Amino acid sequence: MGRTPALVLIVLALALIIYNVTLVNFENPLEGNSVIALIGIVASLCAIVLLLIFITSKKIQRKMDED
């Protein structure tokens, strides 16, 4: 997987975060469907962090291969 598919996945994760934020009831964020939306937000953030780590590791690998 290269950089472009990872960026597409990051954009999809951001779209999921935006969608889940609309589902959160901010008066009672820990009740009902709001909990599921919060879990979705956290999972999407984790996916973004993992993809950014993946992109960084690919950059390091390319620099190591050049030397």
PDB file of N, CA and C in Angstrom:
ATOM      1  N   MET A   1       0.859  -1.172   0.000  1.00  0.00           N
ATOM      2  CA  MET A   1       0.000   0.000   0.000  1.00  0.00           C
ATOM      3  C   MET A   1       0.899   1.227   0.000  1.00  0.00           C
ATOM      4  N   GLY A   2       0.600   2.151  -0.873  1.00  0.00           N
ATOM      5  CA  GLY A   2       1.395   3.357  -0.990  1.00  0.00           C
ATOM      6  C   GLY A   2       0.786   4.512  -0.221  1.00  0.00           C
ATOM      7  N   ARG A   3       1.253   5.679  -0.582  1.00  0.00           N
ATOM      8  CA  ARG A   3       0.816   6.868   0.118  1.00  0.00           C
ATOM      9  C   ARG A   3      -0.617   7.251  -0.256  1.00  0.00           C
ATOM     10  N   THR A   4      -0.968   7.102  -1.532  1.00  0.00           N
ATOM     11  CA  THR A   4      -2.299   7.519  -1.989  1.00  0.00           C
ATOM     12  C   THR A   4      -3.425   6.726  -1.326  1.00  0.00           C
ATOM     13  N   PRO A   5      -3.352   5.391  -1.265  1.00  0.00           N
ATOM     14  CA  PRO A   5      -4.433   4.665  -0.565  1.00  0.00           C
ATOM     15  C   PRO A   5      -4.519   5.035   0.920  1.00  0.00           C
ATOM     16  N   ALA A   6      -3.378   5.300   1.533  1.00  0.00           N
ATOM     17  CA  ALA A   6      -3.393   5.687   2.947  1.00  0.00           C
ATOM     18  C   ALA A   6      -4.082   7.038   3.117  1.00  0.00           C
ATOM     19  N   LEU A   7      -3.831   7.966   2.202  1.00  0.00           N
ATOM     20  CA  LEU A   7      -4.483   9.272   2.286  1.00  0.00           C
ATOM     21  C   LEU A   7      -5.988   9.156   2.050  1.00  0.00           C
ATOM     22  N   VAL A   8      -6.390   8.264   1.155  1.00  0.00           N
ATOM     23  CA  VAL A   8      -7.820   8.037   0.924  1.00  0.00           C
ATOM     24  C   VAL A   8      -8.471   7.487   2.190  1.00  0.00           C
ATOM     25  N   LEU A   9      -7.793   6.568   2.859  1.00  0.00           N
ATOM     26  CA  LEU A   9      -8.324   6.011   4.102  1.00  0.00           C
ATOM     27  C   LEU A   9      -8.402   7.066   5.204  1.00  0.00           C
ATOM     28  N   ILE A  10      -7.440   7.981   5.237  1.00  0.00           N
ATOM     29  CA  ILE A  10      -7.482   9.072   6.218  1.00  0.00           C
ATOM     30  C   ILE A  10      -8.689   9.966   5.956  1.00  0.00           C
ATOM     31  N   VAL A  11      -8.944  10.265   4.703  1.00  0.00           N
ATOM     32  CA  VAL A  11     -10.105  11.097   4.354  1.00  0.00           C
ATOM     33  C   VAL A  11     -11.403  10.387   4.747  1.00  0.00           C
ATOM     34  N   LEU A  12     -11.481   9.082   4.508  1.00  0.00           N
ATOM     35  CA  LEU A  12     -12.667   8.317   4.910  1.00  0.00           C
ATOM     36  C   LEU A  12     -12.841   8.321   6.432  1.00  0.00           C
ATOM     37  N   ALA A  13     -11.741   8.208   7.165  1.00  0.00           N
ATOM     38  CA  ALA A  13     -11.816   8.241   8.621  1.00  0.00           C
ATOM     39  C   ALA A  13     -12.287   9.610   9.103  1.00  0.00           C
ATOM     40  N   LEU A  14     -11.823  10.668   8.455  1.00  0.00           N
ATOM     41  CA  LEU A  14     -12.287  12.015   8.812  1.00  0.00           C
ATOM     42  C   LEU A  14     -13.779  12.169   8.530  1.00  0.00           C
ATOM     43  N   ALA A  15     -14.243  11.594   7.418  1.00  0.00           N
ATOM     44  CA  ALA A  15     -15.669  11.642   7.105  1.00  0.00           C
ATOM     45  C   ALA A  15     -16.482  10.894   8.165  1.00  0.00           C
ATOM     46  N   LEU A  16     -15.966   9.765   8.636  1.00  0.00           N
ATOM     47  CA  LEU A  16     -16.650   9.018   9.698  1.00  0.00           C
ATOM     48  C   LEU A  16     -16.689   9.807  11.003  1.00  0.00           C
ATOM     49  N   ILE A  17     -15.617  10.527  11.291  1.00  0.00           N
ATOM     50  CA  ILE A  17     -15.601  11.356  12.502  1.00  0.00           C
ATOM     51  C   ILE A  17     -16.678  12.425  12.403  1.00  0.00           C
ATOM     52  N   ILE A  18     -16.754  13.090  11.251  1.00  0.00           N
ATOM     53  CA  ILE A  18     -17.751  14.145  11.076  1.00  0.00           C
ATOM     54  C   ILE A  18     -19.163  13.576  11.206  1.00  0.00           C
ATOM     55  N   TYR A  19     -19.393  12.420  10.598  1.00  0.00           N
ATOM     56  CA  TYR A  19     -20.719  11.783  10.689  1.00  0.00           C
ATOM     57  C   TYR A  19     -21.049  11.421  12.133  1.00  0.00           C
ATOM     58  N   ASN A  20     -20.095  10.843  12.848  1.00  0.00           N
ATOM     59  CA  ASN A  20     -20.355  10.421  14.228  1.00  0.00           C
ATOM     60  C   ASN A  20     -20.556  11.608  15.165  1.00  0.00           C
ATOM     61  N   VAL A  21     -19.906  12.729  14.876  1.00  0.00           N
ATOM     62  CA  VAL A  21     -20.111  13.915  15.712  1.00  0.00           C
ATOM     63  C   VAL A  21     -21.562  14.379  15.600  1.00  0.00           C
ATOM     64  N   THR A  22     -22.159  14.221  14.426  1.00  0.00           N
ATOM     65  CA  THR A  22     -23.561  14.627  14.269  1.00  0.00           C
ATOM     66  C   THR A  22     -24.511  13.709  15.045  1.00  0.00           C
ATOM     67  N   LEU A  23     -24.073  12.510  15.377  1.00  0.00           N
ATOM     68  CA  LEU A  23     -24.923  11.567  16.109  1.00  0.00           C
ATOM     69  C   LEU A  23     -24.832  11.712  17.626  1.00  0.00           C
ATOM     70  N   VAL A  24     -23.830  12.429  18.104  1.00  0.00           N
ATOM     71  CA  VAL A  24     -23.624  12.552  19.551  1.00  0.00           C
ATOM     72  C   VAL A  24     -24.648  13.522  20.133  1.00  0.00           C
ATOM     73  N   ASN A  25     -25.313  13.090  21.191  1.00  0.00           N
ATOM     74  CA  ASN A  25     -26.196  13.971  21.947  1.00  0.00           C
ATOM     75  C   ASN A  25     -25.341  14.614  23.032  1.00  0.00           C
ATOM     76  N   PHE A  26     -25.050  15.899  22.881  1.00  0.00           N
ATOM     77  CA  PHE A  26     -24.106  16.551  23.779  1.00  0.00           C
ATOM     78  C   PHE A  26     -24.688  16.828  25.166  1.00  0.00           C
ATOM     79  N   GLU A  27     -25.994  16.684  25.326  1.00  0.00           N
ATOM     80  CA  GLU A  27     -26.588  16.834  26.656  1.00  0.00           C
ATOM     81  C   GLU A  27     -26.350  15.579  27.493  1.00  0.00           C
ATOM     82  N   ASN A  28     -26.398  14.411  26.848  1.00  0.00           N
ATOM     83  CA  ASN A  28     -26.126  13.129  27.513  1.00  0.00           C
ATOM     84  C   ASN A  28     -25.201  12.309  26.627  1.00  0.00           C
ATOM     85  N   PRO A  29     -23.900  12.628  26.592  1.00  0.00           N
ATOM     86  CA  PRO A  29     -23.009  11.953  25.649  1.00  0.00           C
ATOM     87  C   PRO A  29     -22.705  10.499  25.996  1.00  0.00           C
ATOM     88  N   LEU A  30     -23.024  10.066  27.194  1.00  0.00           N
ATOM     89  CA  LEU A  30     -22.699   8.696  27.591  1.00  0.00           C
ATOM     90  C   LEU A  30     -23.931   7.806  27.689  1.00  0.00           C
ATOM     91  N   GLU A  31     -24.984   8.157  26.944  1.00  0.00           N
ATOM     92  CA  GLU A  31     -26.207   7.358  26.966  1.00  0.00           C
ATOM     93  C   GLU A  31     -26.649   7.033  25.548  1.00  0.00           C
ATOM     94  N   GLY A  32     -27.178   5.838  25.363  1.00  0.00           N
ATOM     95  CA  GLY A  32     -27.777   5.440  24.095  1.00  0.00           C
ATOM     96  C   GLY A  32     -26.802   5.400  22.938  1.00  0.00           C
ATOM     97  N   ASN A  33     -27.249   5.921  21.804  1.00  0.00           N
ATOM     98  CA  ASN A  33     -26.446   5.889  20.580  1.00  0.00           C
ATOM     99  C   ASN A  33     -25.238   6.818  20.637  1.00  0.00           C
ATOM    100  N   SER A  34     -25.233   7.740  21.579  1.00  0.00           N
ATOM    101  CA  SER A  34     -24.091   8.644  21.704  1.00  0.00           C
ATOM    102  C   SER A  34     -22.815   7.883  22.059  1.00  0.00           C
ATOM    103  N   VAL A  35     -22.952   6.838  22.859  1.00  0.00           N
ATOM    104  CA  VAL A  35     -21.783   6.036  23.227  1.00  0.00           C
ATOM    105  C   VAL A  35     -21.199   5.361  21.992  1.00  0.00           C
ATOM    106  N   ILE A  36     -22.075   4.833  21.152  1.00  0.00           N
ATOM    107  CA  ILE A  36     -21.612   4.182  19.925  1.00  0.00           C
ATOM    108  C   ILE A  36     -20.924   5.187  19.018  1.00  0.00           C
ATOM    109  N   ALA A  37     -21.473   6.390  18.936  1.00  0.00           N
ATOM    110  CA  ALA A  37     -20.860   7.436  18.120  1.00  0.00           C
ATOM    111  C   ALA A  37     -19.500   7.833  18.678  1.00  0.00           C
ATOM    112  N   LEU A  38     -19.380   7.925  19.991  1.00  0.00           N
ATOM    113  CA  LEU A  38     -18.093   8.269  20.602  1.00  0.00           C
ATOM    114  C   LEU A  38     -17.060   7.173  20.343  1.00  0.00           C
ATOM    115  N   ILE A  39     -17.482   5.929  20.412  1.00  0.00           N
ATOM    116  CA  ILE A  39     -16.572   4.820  20.109  1.00  0.00           C
ATOM    117  C   ILE A  39     -16.123   4.901  18.653  1.00  0.00           C
ATOM    118  N   GLY A  40     -17.040   5.243  17.762  1.00  0.00           N
ATOM    119  CA  GLY A  40     -16.685   5.412  16.352  1.00  0.00           C
ATOM    120  C   GLY A  40     -15.700   6.535  16.131  1.00  0.00           C
ATOM    121  N   ILE A  41     -15.846   7.622  16.879  1.00  0.00           N
ATOM    122  CA  ILE A  41     -14.917   8.743  16.769  1.00  0.00           C
ATOM    123  C   ILE A  41     -13.527   8.323  17.232  1.00  0.00           C
ATOM    124  N   VAL A  42     -13.462   7.649  18.369  1.00  0.00           N
ATOM    125  CA  VAL A  42     -12.167   7.207  18.901  1.00  0.00           C
ATOM    126  C   VAL A  42     -11.512   6.197  17.959  1.00  0.00           C
ATOM    127  N   ALA A  43     -12.304   5.283  17.414  1.00  0.00           N
ATOM    128  CA  ALA A  43     -11.758   4.288  16.488  1.00  0.00           C
ATOM    129  C   ALA A  43     -11.216   4.957  15.224  1.00  0.00           C
ATOM    130  N   SER A  44     -11.923   5.954  14.721  1.00  0.00           N
ATOM    131  CA  SER A  44     -11.453   6.674  13.538  1.00  0.00           C
ATOM    132  C   SER A  44     -10.170   7.441  13.826  1.00  0.00           C
ATOM    133  N   LEU A  45     -10.092   8.037  14.996  1.00  0.00           N
ATOM    134  CA  LEU A  45      -8.855   8.738  15.376  1.00  0.00           C
ATOM    135  C   LEU A  45      -7.687   7.763  15.476  1.00  0.00           C
ATOM    136  N   CYS A  46      -7.934   6.584  16.023  1.00  0.00           N
ATOM    137  CA  CYS A  46      -6.886   5.558  16.094  1.00  0.00           C
ATOM    138  C   CYS A  46      -6.434   5.135  14.699  1.00  0.00           C
ATOM    139  N   ALA A  47      -7.388   4.993  13.794  1.00  0.00           N
ATOM    140  CA  ALA A  47      -7.049   4.612  12.418  1.00  0.00           C
ATOM    141  C   ALA A  47      -6.192   5.684  11.763  1.00  0.00           C
ATOM    142  N   ILE A  48      -6.514   6.946  12.004  1.00  0.00           N
ATOM    143  CA  ILE A  48      -5.727   8.043  11.431  1.00  0.00           C
ATOM    144  C   ILE A  48      -4.308   8.016  11.971  1.00  0.00           C
ATOM    145  N   VAL A  49      -4.171   7.819  13.274  1.00  0.00           N
ATOM    146  CA  VAL A  49      -2.830   7.771  13.877  1.00  0.00           C
ATOM    147  C   VAL A  49      -2.029   6.611  13.289  1.00  0.00           C
ATOM    148  N   LEU A  50      -2.645   5.444  13.165  1.00  0.00           N
ATOM    149  CA  LEU A  50      -1.942   4.288  12.597  1.00  0.00           C
ATOM    150  C   LEU A  50      -1.533   4.535  11.150  1.00  0.00           C
ATOM    151  N   LEU A  51      -2.396   5.162  10.371  1.00  0.00           N
ATOM    152  CA  LEU A  51      -2.049   5.453   8.977  1.00  0.00           C
ATOM    153  C   LEU A  51      -0.928   6.482   8.879  1.00  0.00           C
ATOM    154  N   LEU A  52      -0.919   7.463   9.766  1.00  0.00           N
ATOM    155  CA  LEU A  52       0.174   8.439   9.766  1.00  0.00           C
ATOM    156  C   LEU A  52       1.494   7.779  10.155  1.00  0.00           C
ATOM    157  N   ILE A  53       1.452   6.841  11.098  1.00  0.00           N
ATOM    158  CA  ILE A  53       2.651   6.085  11.452  1.00  0.00           C
ATOM    159  C   ILE A  53       3.111   5.260  10.266  1.00  0.00           C
ATOM    160  N   PHE A  54       2.164   4.650   9.546  1.00  0.00           N
ATOM    161  CA  PHE A  54       2.499   3.855   8.365  1.00  0.00           C
ATOM    162  C   PHE A  54       3.173   4.716   7.294  1.00  0.00           C
ATOM    163  N   ILE A  55       2.625   5.898   7.032  1.00  0.00           N
ATOM    164  CA  ILE A  55       3.215   6.795   6.031  1.00  0.00           C
ATOM    165  C   ILE A  55       4.618   7.207   6.442  1.00  0.00           C
ATOM    166  N   THR A  56       4.801   7.513   7.727  1.00  0.00           N
ATOM    167  CA  THR A  56       6.126   7.897   8.222  1.00  0.00           C
ATOM    168  C   THR A  56       7.116   6.745   8.093  1.00  0.00           C
ATOM    169  N   SER A  57       6.670   5.533   8.395  1.00  0.00           N
ATOM    170  CA  SER A  57       7.579   4.384   8.290  1.00  0.00           C
ATOM    171  C   SER A  57       7.968   4.124   6.837  1.00  0.00           C
ATOM    172  N   LYS A  58       7.045   4.350   5.915  1.00  0.00           N
ATOM    173  CA  LYS A  58       7.380   4.197   4.495  1.00  0.00           C
ATOM    174  C   LYS A  58       8.408   5.235   4.053  1.00  0.00           C
ATOM    175  N   LYS A  59       8.294   6.468   4.564  1.00  0.00           N
ATOM    176  CA  LYS A  59       9.282   7.501   4.245  1.00  0.00           C
ATOM    177  C   LYS A  59      10.661   7.105   4.771  1.00  0.00           C
ATOM    178  N   ILE A  60      10.702   6.589   5.987  1.00  0.00           N
ATOM    179  CA  ILE A  60      11.971   6.159   6.576  1.00  0.00           C
ATOM    180  C   ILE A  60      12.555   5.002   5.780  1.00  0.00           C
ATOM    181  N   GLN A  61      11.702   4.068   5.361  1.00  0.00           N
ATOM    182  CA  GLN A  61      12.169   2.924   4.579  1.00  0.00           C
ATOM    183  C   GLN A  61      12.758   3.381   3.249  1.00  0.00           C
ATOM    184  N   ARG A  62      12.120   4.349   2.600  1.00  0.00           N
ATOM    185  CA  ARG A  62      12.648   4.855   1.323  1.00  0.00           C
ATOM    186  C   ARG A  62      14.019   5.512   1.523  1.00  0.00           C
ATOM    187  N   LYS A  63      14.166   6.264   2.614  1.00  0.00           N
ATOM    188  CA  LYS A  63      15.466   6.903   2.879  1.00  0.00           C
ATOM    189  C   LYS A  63      16.531   5.876   3.188  1.00  0.00           C
ATOM    190  N   MET A  64      16.157   4.809   3.882  1.00  0.00           N
ATOM    191  CA  MET A  64      17.122   3.753   4.182  1.00  0.00           C
ATOM    192  C   MET A  64      17.540   3.011   2.914  1.00  0.00           C
ATOM    193  N   ASP A  65      16.599   2.823   1.999  1.00  0.00           N
ATOM    194  CA  ASP A  65      16.900   2.133   0.742  1.00  0.00           C
ATOM    195  C   ASP A  65      17.788   2.973  -0.163  1.00  0.00           C
ATOM    196  N   GLU A  66      17.691   4.310  -0.062  1.00  0.00           N
ATOM    197  CA  GLU A  66      18.534   5.187  -0.883  1.00  0.00           C
ATOM    198  C   GLU A  66      19.994   5.101  -0.462  1.00  0.00           C
ATOM    199  N   ASP A  67      20.228   4.892   0.818  1.00  0.00           N
ATOM    200  CA  ASP A  67      21.618   4.866   1.334  1.00  0.00           C
ATOM    201  C   ASP A  67      22.267   3.559   1.102  1.00  0.00           C
TER     202      ASP A  67
END
